[in-house]
Structures are given as C-alpha cells and as structure tokens.
Amino acid sequence: MTRFPVTARLLLAGLITAIALAVALWPRDSGESDTATNAGTNSAVAQAARADAGLTPCPRPAPGAASSGPLAALTVRCLADGQPVDLAAALAGRPALLNLWAYWCGPCAQELPYLNQYARRAGDAITVLTVHSDPEEAKALARLTGLGVTVPGVLDPDASVRAALGAPSVLPISVLLRADGTVAEVVVRTFAGVQDIADTVANRLGVAA
C-alpha cells in the first residue's frame, strides 16, 4: 500500500473540505429564484409606471351587458390598474373609437394627444380607448406619461384585438365600433388633428362632438 506524506494528506483533506463547503453554499434553484425576482421587479416597475401615468380607469361592463361583435370573449389587461377587461362587454351599448398603437411608433405619438383632446371634447358620447399592441407595458405607460395622454388604455401583447377586427398589420390604426360592437370603419391612417377625428366619427358613427 502506498502511503501519502503527511503534508500531502493535509492538503488533500483541505481540498475535500473546501469542495464540500462550496457544494453546501451553492444556491439552490437559481433559475427559479431569478425568474421570481425578475417577475417581482417587472411588476413593481409596472405598478410605479401606472401611478405616474394616472390613466383614466377602463370602462367596465354594465350589469347584463352582452358580449357581442368581433371582440366577443376577448379579454385584455387594463393599463390603469392591471386588471382583466372583457372588451366587448365593457364597450357594449355605446359607440367606441379604438386606437391601436405601440410605444415605438412615431406617428402614434403624434396622434395620441389629438385623441386625448377629442376624448375630453366628446365626453360620454363615445368611448375612446387606446390599445397598446405590444407586450412592453412599462414602456407603453412611460410613453403615455411623456405625452400627457390619460385616456383609458389596454394592453394587447399578442395583437389579438387587431386580429379579431381584421385590421392590417400597421400602426397606428383606429377602429370605429357601433354601439352593438360591429365595425363601422377601420381607419388606416394618422389623424391630422382633433377636428379630423371629430369629422370622421360624425360621418361614420353619427356622433357629434
């Protein structure tokens, strides 16, 4: 039997001890921990962004409201509070203007302030709702904050609203809905101003503002 010198045995024992300590201290489930941390951070960022944006609450379904039209059974998330919204039911009973946009869209940024002004001017005659067609919620909220836009808005990360309405894959797009949820017109252009919006809505939906 080969005998190790005392010094070698001491070094080997020290190495084994160091390895055992490293294994004992190695973080468990680091991937799950990182995922949970990232989710918590993203949630906190979105919550802070919502507070900064101060958006008007999303419309909610009236008692007994029917979910009909192409948006039936489609649920999105409200940008104001992060809560789910049954879109068709929430819009039922009143004409609506849906504006599909994204935080990275330059023409959208030009148009959104006009929609904000129009919504104030129209009041309860029509529901004006922005639909962010991108999953980046915090960036959408930051963009709205920078533009001073406070109209109600929802998050549509997979563009399901656009698909349901049969709208083309371009932004911005405005969709005019009748009170029964059917589509009156898909406007594939950027509005030139508040009066342009008012004239278009009046012509297609009969809503004067």
N, C-alpha and C. Protein backbone atom coordinates (compact mmCIF):
# COMPACT_ATOMS: atom_id res chain seq x y z
N MET A 1 0.86 -1.20 0.00
CA MET A 1 0.00 0.00 0.00
C MET A 1 0.88 1.23 0.00
N THR A 2 0.58 2.16 -0.88
CA THR A 2 1.36 3.39 -0.97
C THR A 2 0.88 4.36 0.08
N ARG A 3 1.81 4.91 0.85
CA ARG A 3 1.45 5.86 1.90
C ARG A 3 1.78 7.28 1.44
N PHE A 4 0.78 8.23 1.61
CA PHE A 4 1.00 9.63 1.25
C PHE A 4 1.76 10.31 2.36
N PRO A 5 2.63 11.22 2.01
CA PRO A 5 3.30 12.01 3.03
C PRO A 5 2.27 12.79 3.83
N VAL A 6 2.61 13.17 5.05
CA VAL A 6 1.69 13.90 5.92
C VAL A 6 1.23 15.19 5.27
N THR A 7 2.14 15.91 4.64
CA THR A 7 1.79 17.19 4.01
C THR A 7 0.76 16.99 2.90
N ALA A 8 0.95 15.95 2.10
CA ALA A 8 0.02 15.68 1.00
C ALA A 8 -1.35 15.34 1.54
N ARG A 9 -1.38 14.53 2.64
CA ARG A 9 -2.67 14.16 3.21
C ARG A 9 -3.41 15.37 3.76
N LEU A 10 -2.66 16.29 4.37
CA LEU A 10 -3.29 17.50 4.89
C LEU A 10 -3.85 18.36 3.77
N LEU A 11 -3.10 18.47 2.67
CA LEU A 11 -3.57 19.26 1.53
C LEU A 11 -4.83 18.64 0.93
N LEU A 12 -4.83 17.30 0.82
CA LEU A 12 -5.98 16.61 0.25
C LEU A 12 -7.21 16.80 1.14
N ALA A 13 -7.02 16.71 2.43
CA ALA A 13 -8.14 16.90 3.36
C ALA A 13 -8.69 18.31 3.26
N GLY A 14 -7.78 19.27 3.12
CA GLY A 14 -8.23 20.67 2.99
C GLY A 14 -9.01 20.89 1.71
N LEU A 15 -8.56 20.25 0.63
CA LEU A 15 -9.25 20.39 -0.65
C LEU A 15 -10.65 19.80 -0.59
N ILE A 16 -10.77 18.62 0.04
CA ILE A 16 -12.08 17.98 0.17
C ILE A 16 -13.02 18.84 0.99
N THR A 17 -12.51 19.43 2.06
CA THR A 17 -13.33 20.30 2.91
C THR A 17 -13.81 21.52 2.14
N ALA A 18 -12.91 22.11 1.33
CA ALA A 18 -13.28 23.30 0.55
C ALA A 18 -14.36 22.97 -0.46
N ILE A 19 -14.24 21.80 -1.12
CA ILE A 19 -15.25 21.40 -2.10
C ILE A 19 -16.60 21.17 -1.43
N ALA A 20 -16.57 20.53 -0.26
CA ALA A 20 -17.82 20.28 0.47
C ALA A 20 -18.51 21.58 0.85
N LEU A 21 -17.72 22.55 1.29
CA LEU A 21 -18.30 23.85 1.65
C LEU A 21 -18.90 24.54 0.43
N ALA A 22 -18.19 24.45 -0.70
CA ALA A 22 -18.69 25.10 -1.92
C ALA A 22 -20.01 24.50 -2.35
N VAL A 23 -20.11 23.16 -2.27
CA VAL A 23 -21.36 22.49 -2.63
C VAL A 23 -22.48 22.88 -1.68
N ALA A 24 -22.15 22.96 -0.40
CA ALA A 24 -23.17 23.29 0.60
C ALA A 24 -23.70 24.70 0.42
N LEU A 25 -22.81 25.60 0.00
CA LEU A 25 -23.20 27.01 -0.13
C LEU A 25 -23.74 27.36 -1.50
N TRP A 26 -23.68 26.43 -2.46
CA TRP A 26 -24.14 26.73 -3.83
C TRP A 26 -25.64 26.99 -3.82
N PRO A 27 -26.10 28.10 -4.43
CA PRO A 27 -27.53 28.43 -4.38
C PRO A 27 -28.39 27.38 -5.07
N ARG A 28 -29.47 26.99 -4.43
CA ARG A 28 -30.40 26.02 -5.00
C ARG A 28 -31.44 26.72 -5.85
N ASP A 29 -31.85 26.06 -6.96
CA ASP A 29 -32.93 26.57 -7.82
C ASP A 29 -32.68 28.02 -8.23
N SER A 30 -31.43 28.31 -8.65
CA SER A 30 -31.10 29.68 -9.00
C SER A 30 -31.94 30.19 -10.15
N GLY A 31 -32.30 29.30 -11.10
CA GLY A 31 -33.13 29.73 -12.22
C GLY A 31 -34.50 30.17 -11.77
N GLU A 32 -35.12 29.37 -10.87
CA GLU A 32 -36.45 29.71 -10.37
C GLU A 32 -36.40 30.99 -9.56
N SER A 33 -35.31 31.13 -8.77
CA SER A 33 -35.18 32.34 -7.94
C SER A 33 -35.06 33.58 -8.81
N ASP A 34 -34.23 33.48 -9.88
CA ASP A 34 -34.07 34.62 -10.78
C ASP A 34 -35.38 34.97 -11.46
N THR A 35 -36.13 33.93 -11.87
CA THR A 35 -37.40 34.17 -12.53
C THR A 35 -38.37 34.89 -11.62
N ALA A 36 -38.44 34.43 -10.37
CA ALA A 36 -39.34 35.06 -9.40
C ALA A 36 -38.93 36.50 -9.13
N THR A 37 -37.59 36.72 -9.02
CA THR A 37 -37.10 38.08 -8.77
C THR A 37 -37.43 39.00 -9.93
N ASN A 38 -37.21 38.50 -11.17
CA ASN A 38 -37.50 39.31 -12.35
C ASN A 38 -38.98 39.64 -12.45
N ALA A 39 -39.83 38.64 -12.15
CA ALA A 39 -41.27 38.87 -12.21
C ALA A 39 -41.68 39.92 -11.20
N GLY A 40 -41.11 39.82 -10.00
CA GLY A 40 -41.43 40.81 -8.97
C GLY A 40 -40.97 42.20 -9.36
N THR A 41 -39.77 42.27 -9.95
CA THR A 41 -39.24 43.57 -10.38
C THR A 41 -40.10 44.18 -11.47
N ASN A 42 -40.45 43.35 -12.47
CA ASN A 42 -41.29 43.84 -13.56
C ASN A 42 -42.63 44.34 -13.05
N SER A 43 -43.21 43.60 -12.10
CA SER A 43 -44.49 44.00 -11.53
C SER A 43 -44.37 45.33 -10.81
N ALA A 44 -43.28 45.50 -10.06
CA ALA A 44 -43.07 46.74 -9.32
C ALA A 44 -42.87 47.91 -10.28
N VAL A 45 -42.13 47.67 -11.35
CA VAL A 45 -41.90 48.73 -12.35
C VAL A 45 -43.21 49.14 -13.00
N ALA A 46 -44.03 48.15 -13.37
CA ALA A 46 -45.33 48.45 -14.00
C ALA A 46 -46.23 49.21 -13.03
N GLN A 47 -46.21 48.82 -11.77
CA GLN A 47 -47.06 49.49 -10.77
C GLN A 47 -46.65 50.94 -10.61
N ALA A 48 -45.34 51.19 -10.57
CA ALA A 48 -44.86 52.56 -10.45
C ALA A 48 -45.21 53.36 -11.70
N ALA A 49 -45.09 52.72 -12.87
CA ALA A 49 -45.41 53.40 -14.13
C ALA A 49 -46.89 53.74 -14.20
N ARG A 50 -47.74 52.86 -13.68
CA ARG A 50 -49.19 53.15 -13.65
C ARG A 50 -49.48 54.37 -12.79
N ALA A 51 -48.81 54.44 -11.65
CA ALA A 51 -49.02 55.58 -10.75
C ALA A 51 -48.60 56.88 -11.42
N ASP A 52 -47.48 56.84 -12.15
CA ASP A 52 -47.00 58.05 -12.84
C ASP A 52 -47.95 58.46 -13.97
N ALA A 53 -48.48 57.46 -14.68
CA ALA A 53 -49.33 57.76 -15.85
C ALA A 53 -50.67 58.36 -15.44
N GLY A 54 -51.25 57.88 -14.36
CA GLY A 54 -52.54 58.41 -13.90
C GLY A 54 -53.64 58.30 -14.94
N LEU A 55 -53.72 57.15 -15.60
CA LEU A 55 -54.71 56.97 -16.66
C LEU A 55 -56.13 56.91 -16.10
N THR A 56 -57.07 57.31 -16.94
CA THR A 56 -58.49 57.16 -16.61
C THR A 56 -58.81 55.67 -16.52
N PRO A 57 -59.59 55.23 -15.55
CA PRO A 57 -59.94 53.81 -15.45
C PRO A 57 -60.60 53.29 -16.72
N CYS A 58 -60.39 52.03 -17.00
CA CYS A 58 -61.00 51.41 -18.18
C CYS A 58 -62.51 51.28 -17.99
N PRO A 59 -63.25 51.32 -19.09
CA PRO A 59 -64.70 51.08 -18.99
C PRO A 59 -64.95 49.67 -18.49
N ARG A 60 -66.01 49.50 -17.72
CA ARG A 60 -66.37 48.19 -17.19
C ARG A 60 -67.76 47.80 -17.67
N PRO A 61 -68.01 46.51 -17.81
CA PRO A 61 -69.32 46.07 -18.30
C PRO A 61 -70.45 46.51 -17.38
N ALA A 62 -71.51 47.02 -17.96
CA ALA A 62 -72.70 47.35 -17.18
C ALA A 62 -73.42 46.05 -16.83
N PRO A 63 -74.21 46.04 -15.77
CA PRO A 63 -74.95 44.82 -15.41
C PRO A 63 -75.78 44.31 -16.58
N GLY A 64 -75.58 43.06 -16.92
CA GLY A 64 -76.34 42.45 -18.01
C GLY A 64 -75.83 42.78 -19.39
N ALA A 65 -74.67 43.45 -19.48
CA ALA A 65 -74.13 43.82 -20.80
C ALA A 65 -73.77 42.57 -21.59
N ALA A 66 -74.17 42.56 -22.85
CA ALA A 66 -73.90 41.40 -23.71
C ALA A 66 -72.55 41.57 -24.40
N SER A 67 -71.78 40.49 -24.46
CA SER A 67 -70.51 40.49 -25.17
C SER A 67 -70.76 40.01 -26.59
N SER A 68 -70.79 40.95 -27.54
CA SER A 68 -71.11 40.59 -28.92
C SER A 68 -70.15 41.27 -29.88
N GLY A 69 -70.27 40.93 -31.17
CA GLY A 69 -69.40 41.50 -32.17
C GLY A 69 -68.08 40.76 -32.26
N PRO A 70 -67.15 41.23 -33.09
CA PRO A 70 -65.89 40.52 -33.30
C PRO A 70 -65.00 40.45 -32.07
N LEU A 71 -65.23 41.31 -31.08
CA LEU A 71 -64.40 41.30 -29.87
C LEU A 71 -64.98 40.42 -28.77
N ALA A 72 -66.06 39.72 -29.04
CA ALA A 72 -66.70 38.87 -28.03
C ALA A 72 -65.72 37.85 -27.47
N ALA A 73 -65.77 37.68 -26.16
CA ALA A 73 -64.94 36.71 -25.43
C ALA A 73 -63.45 37.06 -25.44
N LEU A 74 -63.11 38.28 -25.81
CA LEU A 74 -61.71 38.70 -25.83
C LEU A 74 -61.40 39.49 -24.55
N THR A 75 -60.43 39.01 -23.79
CA THR A 75 -60.05 39.67 -22.55
C THR A 75 -58.66 40.28 -22.68
N VAL A 76 -58.53 41.52 -22.26
CA VAL A 76 -57.25 42.23 -22.29
C VAL A 76 -56.99 42.78 -20.89
N ARG A 77 -55.81 43.40 -20.70
CA ARG A 77 -55.48 43.94 -19.38
C ARG A 77 -55.52 45.46 -19.41
N CYS A 78 -56.16 46.03 -18.40
CA CYS A 78 -56.27 47.49 -18.31
C CYS A 78 -54.92 48.09 -17.91
N LEU A 79 -54.48 49.10 -18.64
CA LEU A 79 -53.21 49.75 -18.32
C LEU A 79 -53.29 50.57 -17.03
N ALA A 80 -54.47 51.00 -16.66
CA ALA A 80 -54.61 51.85 -15.47
C ALA A 80 -54.40 51.08 -14.18
N ASP A 81 -54.86 49.82 -14.13
CA ASP A 81 -54.77 49.07 -12.88
C ASP A 81 -54.30 47.62 -13.02
N GLY A 82 -54.05 47.18 -14.26
CA GLY A 82 -53.56 45.83 -14.47
C GLY A 82 -54.62 44.75 -14.40
N GLN A 83 -55.89 45.13 -14.28
CA GLN A 83 -56.97 44.16 -14.14
C GLN A 83 -57.50 43.71 -15.51
N PRO A 84 -58.00 42.47 -15.61
CA PRO A 84 -58.55 41.99 -16.88
C PRO A 84 -59.85 42.71 -17.24
N VAL A 85 -60.06 42.88 -18.54
CA VAL A 85 -61.26 43.55 -19.04
C VAL A 85 -61.87 42.71 -20.16
N ASP A 86 -63.15 42.38 -20.01
CA ASP A 86 -63.91 41.75 -21.10
C ASP A 86 -64.24 42.87 -22.07
N LEU A 87 -63.48 42.95 -23.15
CA LEU A 87 -63.52 44.14 -24.00
C LEU A 87 -64.89 44.39 -24.63
N ALA A 88 -65.48 43.37 -25.22
CA ALA A 88 -66.78 43.56 -25.89
C ALA A 88 -67.85 43.98 -24.89
N ALA A 89 -67.89 43.35 -23.74
CA ALA A 89 -68.89 43.68 -22.73
C ALA A 89 -68.67 45.09 -22.18
N ALA A 90 -67.41 45.47 -22.01
CA ALA A 90 -67.10 46.80 -21.47
C ALA A 90 -67.50 47.91 -22.44
N LEU A 91 -67.44 47.62 -23.74
CA LEU A 91 -67.76 48.63 -24.75
C LEU A 91 -69.22 48.60 -25.18
N ALA A 92 -69.96 47.60 -24.74
CA ALA A 92 -71.34 47.41 -25.20
C ALA A 92 -72.24 48.59 -24.86
N GLY A 93 -73.10 48.94 -25.82
CA GLY A 93 -74.11 49.96 -25.58
C GLY A 93 -73.70 51.38 -25.91
N ARG A 94 -72.47 51.57 -26.38
CA ARG A 94 -72.02 52.92 -26.72
C ARG A 94 -71.03 52.85 -27.88
N PRO A 95 -71.09 53.81 -28.82
CA PRO A 95 -70.09 53.82 -29.89
C PRO A 95 -68.69 53.94 -29.29
N ALA A 96 -67.71 53.41 -30.01
CA ALA A 96 -66.35 53.43 -29.49
C ALA A 96 -65.34 53.70 -30.59
N LEU A 97 -64.23 54.31 -30.19
CA LEU A 97 -63.09 54.52 -31.06
C LEU A 97 -61.91 53.83 -30.40
N LEU A 98 -61.42 52.76 -31.03
CA LEU A 98 -60.24 52.06 -30.54
C LEU A 98 -59.04 52.49 -31.35
N ASN A 99 -57.99 52.92 -30.66
CA ASN A 99 -56.77 53.34 -31.34
C ASN A 99 -55.65 52.35 -31.03
N LEU A 100 -55.21 51.62 -32.07
CA LEU A 100 -54.14 50.63 -31.92
C LEU A 100 -52.80 51.32 -32.14
N TRP A 101 -51.88 51.15 -31.17
CA TRP A 101 -50.61 51.86 -31.22
C TRP A 101 -49.53 51.04 -30.51
N ALA A 102 -48.30 51.57 -30.51
CA ALA A 102 -47.20 50.97 -29.76
C ALA A 102 -46.22 52.07 -29.36
N TYR A 103 -45.50 51.83 -28.28
CA TYR A 103 -44.61 52.86 -27.73
C TYR A 103 -43.51 53.27 -28.71
N TRP A 104 -43.12 52.37 -29.63
CA TRP A 104 -42.04 52.65 -30.56
C TRP A 104 -42.51 53.29 -31.87
N CYS A 105 -43.80 53.53 -31.99
CA CYS A 105 -44.39 54.06 -33.23
C CYS A 105 -44.40 55.58 -33.23
N GLY A 106 -43.63 56.19 -34.13
CA GLY A 106 -43.55 57.65 -34.20
C GLY A 106 -44.87 58.32 -34.54
N PRO A 107 -45.55 57.91 -35.62
CA PRO A 107 -46.85 58.52 -35.95
C PRO A 107 -47.88 58.36 -34.84
N CYS A 108 -47.78 57.27 -34.09
CA CYS A 108 -48.71 57.07 -32.96
C CYS A 108 -48.54 58.18 -31.93
N ALA A 109 -47.28 58.55 -31.68
CA ALA A 109 -47.00 59.59 -30.69
C ALA A 109 -47.55 60.94 -31.14
N GLN A 110 -47.60 61.18 -32.44
CA GLN A 110 -48.18 62.42 -32.95
C GLN A 110 -49.70 62.43 -32.80
N GLU A 111 -50.30 61.27 -32.95
CA GLU A 111 -51.76 61.16 -32.98
C GLU A 111 -52.39 61.08 -31.59
N LEU A 112 -51.73 60.44 -30.65
CA LEU A 112 -52.32 60.21 -29.33
C LEU A 112 -52.78 61.47 -28.61
N PRO A 113 -52.02 62.57 -28.63
CA PRO A 113 -52.52 63.78 -27.97
C PRO A 113 -53.82 64.30 -28.59
N TYR A 114 -53.99 64.14 -29.90
CA TYR A 114 -55.25 64.54 -30.55
C TYR A 114 -56.41 63.70 -30.01
N LEU A 115 -56.17 62.40 -29.85
CA LEU A 115 -57.21 61.52 -29.32
C LEU A 115 -57.56 61.88 -27.88
N ASN A 116 -56.54 62.27 -27.12
CA ASN A 116 -56.77 62.68 -25.74
C ASN A 116 -57.67 63.91 -25.68
N GLN A 117 -57.39 64.87 -26.56
CA GLN A 117 -58.21 66.10 -26.61
C GLN A 117 -59.63 65.79 -27.10
N TYR A 118 -59.71 64.90 -28.09
CA TYR A 118 -61.03 64.56 -28.62
C TYR A 118 -61.87 63.87 -27.55
N ALA A 119 -61.27 62.98 -26.78
CA ALA A 119 -62.00 62.25 -25.74
C ALA A 119 -62.59 63.22 -24.72
N ARG A 120 -61.83 64.25 -24.36
CA ARG A 120 -62.35 65.25 -23.42
C ARG A 120 -63.50 66.03 -24.04
N ARG A 121 -63.35 66.33 -25.30
CA ARG A 121 -64.37 67.10 -26.02
C ARG A 121 -65.66 66.29 -26.19
N ALA A 122 -65.54 65.01 -26.48
CA ALA A 122 -66.71 64.17 -26.75
C ALA A 122 -67.43 63.74 -25.48
N GLY A 123 -66.71 63.64 -24.38
CA GLY A 123 -67.33 63.23 -23.12
C GLY A 123 -67.91 61.83 -23.19
N ASP A 124 -69.15 61.68 -22.74
CA ASP A 124 -69.79 60.36 -22.68
C ASP A 124 -70.45 59.93 -23.99
N ALA A 125 -70.32 60.75 -25.03
CA ALA A 125 -70.98 60.41 -26.30
C ALA A 125 -70.33 59.21 -26.98
N ILE A 126 -69.05 58.98 -26.69
CA ILE A 126 -68.31 57.88 -27.32
C ILE A 126 -67.20 57.44 -26.37
N THR A 127 -66.89 56.16 -26.41
CA THR A 127 -65.77 55.64 -25.63
C THR A 127 -64.51 55.67 -26.48
N VAL A 128 -63.47 56.35 -25.99
CA VAL A 128 -62.18 56.38 -26.67
C VAL A 128 -61.22 55.51 -25.85
N LEU A 129 -60.63 54.52 -26.49
CA LEU A 129 -59.78 53.56 -25.80
C LEU A 129 -58.53 53.28 -26.62
N THR A 130 -57.35 53.41 -26.00
CA THR A 130 -56.12 53.06 -26.69
C THR A 130 -55.81 51.59 -26.46
N VAL A 131 -55.24 50.95 -27.47
CA VAL A 131 -54.91 49.52 -27.40
C VAL A 131 -53.42 49.38 -27.73
N HIS A 132 -52.61 49.13 -26.71
CA HIS A 132 -51.17 49.00 -26.95
C HIS A 132 -50.85 47.61 -27.50
N SER A 133 -50.48 47.57 -28.77
CA SER A 133 -50.29 46.30 -29.48
C SER A 133 -48.85 45.82 -29.37
N ASP A 134 -48.38 45.64 -28.14
CA ASP A 134 -47.01 45.25 -27.86
C ASP A 134 -46.97 44.80 -26.39
N PRO A 135 -46.10 43.84 -26.04
CA PRO A 135 -46.09 43.35 -24.65
C PRO A 135 -45.41 44.25 -23.64
N GLU A 136 -44.70 45.30 -24.08
CA GLU A 136 -43.93 46.15 -23.16
C GLU A 136 -44.84 47.14 -22.43
N GLU A 137 -45.41 46.69 -21.32
CA GLU A 137 -46.38 47.51 -20.59
C GLU A 137 -45.75 48.77 -19.98
N ALA A 138 -44.61 48.61 -19.30
CA ALA A 138 -43.98 49.76 -18.65
C ALA A 138 -43.56 50.82 -19.66
N LYS A 139 -43.09 50.39 -20.83
CA LYS A 139 -42.69 51.35 -21.86
C LYS A 139 -43.91 52.07 -22.44
N ALA A 140 -45.01 51.35 -22.54
CA ALA A 140 -46.25 51.99 -23.01
C ALA A 140 -46.69 53.06 -22.03
N LEU A 141 -46.67 52.74 -20.75
CA LEU A 141 -47.08 53.69 -19.72
C LEU A 141 -46.16 54.90 -19.68
N ALA A 142 -44.86 54.65 -19.83
CA ALA A 142 -43.90 55.76 -19.83
C ALA A 142 -44.14 56.68 -21.03
N ARG A 143 -44.46 56.08 -22.16
CA ARG A 143 -44.73 56.88 -23.37
C ARG A 143 -45.97 57.75 -23.17
N LEU A 144 -47.02 57.17 -22.61
CA LEU A 144 -48.25 57.93 -22.36
C LEU A 144 -48.00 59.05 -21.36
N THR A 145 -47.20 58.76 -20.35
CA THR A 145 -46.86 59.79 -19.35
C THR A 145 -46.13 60.95 -20.01
N GLY A 146 -45.16 60.63 -20.86
CA GLY A 146 -44.40 61.67 -21.54
C GLY A 146 -45.25 62.51 -22.47
N LEU A 147 -46.28 61.91 -23.04
CA LEU A 147 -47.16 62.62 -23.97
C LEU A 147 -48.30 63.34 -23.25
N GLY A 148 -48.47 63.05 -21.97
CA GLY A 148 -49.58 63.66 -21.22
C GLY A 148 -50.93 63.10 -21.62
N VAL A 149 -50.96 61.86 -22.09
CA VAL A 149 -52.20 61.22 -22.54
C VAL A 149 -52.76 60.38 -21.39
N THR A 150 -54.01 60.62 -21.04
CA THR A 150 -54.62 59.93 -19.90
C THR A 150 -55.90 59.17 -20.23
N VAL A 151 -56.24 59.06 -21.51
CA VAL A 151 -57.45 58.30 -21.87
C VAL A 151 -57.28 56.85 -21.46
N PRO A 152 -58.37 56.12 -21.25
CA PRO A 152 -58.26 54.71 -20.88
C PRO A 152 -57.48 53.93 -21.93
N GLY A 153 -56.75 52.92 -21.47
CA GLY A 153 -55.98 52.10 -22.40
C GLY A 153 -55.88 50.67 -21.92
N VAL A 154 -55.67 49.76 -22.86
CA VAL A 154 -55.49 48.35 -22.52
C VAL A 154 -54.23 47.82 -23.18
N LEU A 155 -53.73 46.72 -22.63
CA LEU A 155 -52.54 46.06 -23.16
C LEU A 155 -52.96 44.85 -23.97
N ASP A 156 -52.48 44.79 -25.22
CA ASP A 156 -52.80 43.69 -26.13
C ASP A 156 -51.49 43.11 -26.64
N PRO A 157 -50.78 42.31 -25.82
CA PRO A 157 -49.42 41.90 -26.14
C PRO A 157 -49.25 41.08 -27.41
N ASP A 158 -50.27 40.31 -27.78
CA ASP A 158 -50.16 39.47 -28.98
C ASP A 158 -51.02 39.96 -30.14
N ALA A 159 -51.44 41.23 -30.07
CA ALA A 159 -52.23 41.85 -31.14
C ALA A 159 -53.50 41.08 -31.45
N SER A 160 -54.12 40.50 -30.44
CA SER A 160 -55.36 39.74 -30.64
C SER A 160 -56.53 40.64 -31.02
N VAL A 161 -56.50 41.89 -30.55
CA VAL A 161 -57.57 42.83 -30.92
C VAL A 161 -57.51 43.13 -32.41
N ARG A 162 -56.31 43.41 -32.91
CA ARG A 162 -56.15 43.68 -34.34
C ARG A 162 -56.62 42.49 -35.16
N ALA A 163 -56.23 41.29 -34.74
CA ALA A 163 -56.62 40.09 -35.48
C ALA A 163 -58.13 39.89 -35.47
N ALA A 164 -58.75 40.11 -34.32
CA ALA A 164 -60.20 39.92 -34.20
C ALA A 164 -60.97 40.91 -35.08
N LEU A 165 -60.42 42.11 -35.22
CA LEU A 165 -61.08 43.15 -36.00
C LEU A 165 -60.74 43.07 -37.49
N GLY A 166 -59.79 42.21 -37.83
CA GLY A 166 -59.40 42.07 -39.22
C GLY A 166 -58.63 43.27 -39.74
N ALA A 167 -57.94 43.97 -38.85
CA ALA A 167 -57.18 45.16 -39.25
C ALA A 167 -55.81 44.76 -39.77
N PRO A 168 -55.23 45.54 -40.67
CA PRO A 168 -53.90 45.22 -41.20
C PRO A 168 -52.80 45.40 -40.16
N SER A 169 -51.64 44.83 -40.44
CA SER A 169 -50.51 44.86 -39.50
C SER A 169 -49.70 46.14 -39.64
N VAL A 170 -50.33 47.27 -39.44
CA VAL A 170 -49.65 48.56 -39.46
C VAL A 170 -50.15 49.37 -38.26
N LEU A 171 -49.38 50.36 -37.87
CA LEU A 171 -49.76 51.25 -36.77
C LEU A 171 -49.44 52.69 -37.14
N PRO A 172 -50.25 53.64 -36.69
CA PRO A 172 -51.47 53.46 -35.90
C PRO A 172 -52.67 53.07 -36.77
N ILE A 173 -53.64 52.48 -36.12
CA ILE A 173 -54.93 52.17 -36.74
C ILE A 173 -56.02 52.57 -35.76
N SER A 174 -57.07 53.18 -36.27
CA SER A 174 -58.23 53.49 -35.44
C SER A 174 -59.43 52.72 -35.97
N VAL A 175 -60.15 52.09 -35.06
CA VAL A 175 -61.32 51.29 -35.43
C VAL A 175 -62.55 51.90 -34.78
N LEU A 176 -63.55 52.21 -35.60
CA LEU A 176 -64.80 52.79 -35.11
C LEU A 176 -65.82 51.67 -34.96
N LEU A 177 -66.35 51.54 -33.75
CA LEU A 177 -67.32 50.49 -33.45
C LEU A 177 -68.69 51.10 -33.16
N ARG A 178 -69.71 50.45 -33.68
CA ARG A 178 -71.08 50.86 -33.35
C ARG A 178 -71.42 50.40 -31.93
N ALA A 179 -72.55 50.87 -31.44
CA ALA A 179 -72.95 50.52 -30.07
C ALA A 179 -73.18 49.02 -29.89
N ASP A 180 -73.48 48.31 -30.99
CA ASP A 180 -73.70 46.86 -30.89
C ASP A 180 -72.41 46.06 -31.04
N GLY A 181 -71.27 46.75 -31.14
CA GLY A 181 -69.99 46.08 -31.23
C GLY A 181 -69.50 45.77 -32.62
N THR A 182 -70.30 46.04 -33.64
CA THR A 182 -69.88 45.79 -35.01
C THR A 182 -68.98 46.91 -35.51
N VAL A 183 -68.17 46.60 -36.50
CA VAL A 183 -67.19 47.56 -37.02
C VAL A 183 -67.84 48.47 -38.05
N ALA A 184 -67.73 49.79 -37.82
CA ALA A 184 -68.23 50.77 -38.79
C ALA A 184 -67.15 51.13 -39.80
N GLU A 185 -65.92 51.24 -39.32
CA GLU A 185 -64.81 51.57 -40.23
C GLU A 185 -63.47 51.30 -39.55
N VAL A 186 -62.51 50.86 -40.37
CA VAL A 186 -61.12 50.74 -39.94
C VAL A 186 -60.34 51.86 -40.61
N VAL A 187 -59.83 52.77 -39.82
CA VAL A 187 -59.13 53.95 -40.34
C VAL A 187 -57.63 53.66 -40.36
N VAL A 188 -57.09 53.44 -41.56
CA VAL A 188 -55.67 53.08 -41.70
C VAL A 188 -54.88 54.32 -42.11
N ARG A 189 -54.83 55.28 -41.24
CA ARG A 189 -54.06 56.50 -41.46
C ARG A 189 -53.93 57.22 -40.13
N THR A 190 -53.07 58.21 -40.09
CA THR A 190 -52.89 59.00 -38.88
C THR A 190 -53.81 60.21 -38.93
N PHE A 191 -54.58 60.43 -37.88
CA PHE A 191 -55.44 61.60 -37.84
C PHE A 191 -54.59 62.88 -37.83
N ALA A 192 -55.06 63.89 -38.58
CA ALA A 192 -54.31 65.14 -38.70
C ALA A 192 -54.57 66.11 -37.56
N GLY A 193 -55.60 65.85 -36.77
CA GLY A 193 -55.92 66.76 -35.68
C GLY A 193 -57.23 66.37 -35.03
N VAL A 194 -57.61 67.13 -34.02
CA VAL A 194 -58.84 66.83 -33.27
C VAL A 194 -60.07 66.93 -34.17
N GLN A 195 -60.11 67.94 -35.03
CA GLN A 195 -61.28 68.11 -35.88
C GLN A 195 -61.39 66.99 -36.91
N ASP A 196 -60.25 66.49 -37.36
CA ASP A 196 -60.25 65.35 -38.29
C ASP A 196 -60.90 64.14 -37.62
N ILE A 197 -60.57 63.92 -36.36
CA ILE A 197 -61.19 62.81 -35.62
C ILE A 197 -62.69 63.03 -35.49
N ALA A 198 -63.06 64.24 -35.08
CA ALA A 198 -64.47 64.57 -34.88
C ALA A 198 -65.28 64.38 -36.16
N ASP A 199 -64.73 64.84 -37.29
CA ASP A 199 -65.43 64.71 -38.57
C ASP A 199 -65.58 63.25 -38.98
N THR A 200 -64.52 62.47 -38.79
CA THR A 200 -64.55 61.06 -39.17
C THR A 200 -65.57 60.29 -38.33
N VAL A 201 -65.57 60.55 -37.03
CA VAL A 201 -66.52 59.88 -36.13
C VAL A 201 -67.95 60.28 -36.46
N ALA A 202 -68.16 61.57 -36.73
CA ALA A 202 -69.51 62.04 -37.05
C ALA A 202 -70.03 61.41 -38.34
N ASN A 203 -69.16 61.28 -39.33
CA ASN A 203 -69.57 60.72 -40.61
C ASN A 203 -69.88 59.23 -40.53
N ARG A 204 -69.10 58.50 -39.74
CA ARG A 204 -69.24 57.05 -39.71
C ARG A 204 -70.13 56.53 -38.59
N LEU A 205 -70.19 57.28 -37.48
CA LEU A 205 -70.97 56.81 -36.33
C LEU A 205 -72.12 57.73 -35.95
N GLY A 206 -72.18 58.91 -36.59
CA GLY A 206 -73.25 59.84 -36.28
C GLY A 206 -73.12 60.49 -34.92
N VAL A 207 -71.91 60.50 -34.37
CA VAL A 207 -71.66 61.12 -33.06
C VAL A 207 -71.05 62.49 -33.27
N ALA A 208 -71.75 63.52 -32.84
CA ALA A 208 -71.24 64.89 -32.98
C ALA A 208 -70.53 65.30 -31.70
N ALA A 209 -69.33 65.89 -31.88
CA ALA A 209 -68.57 66.35 -30.71
C ALA A 209 -67.67 67.52 -31.12
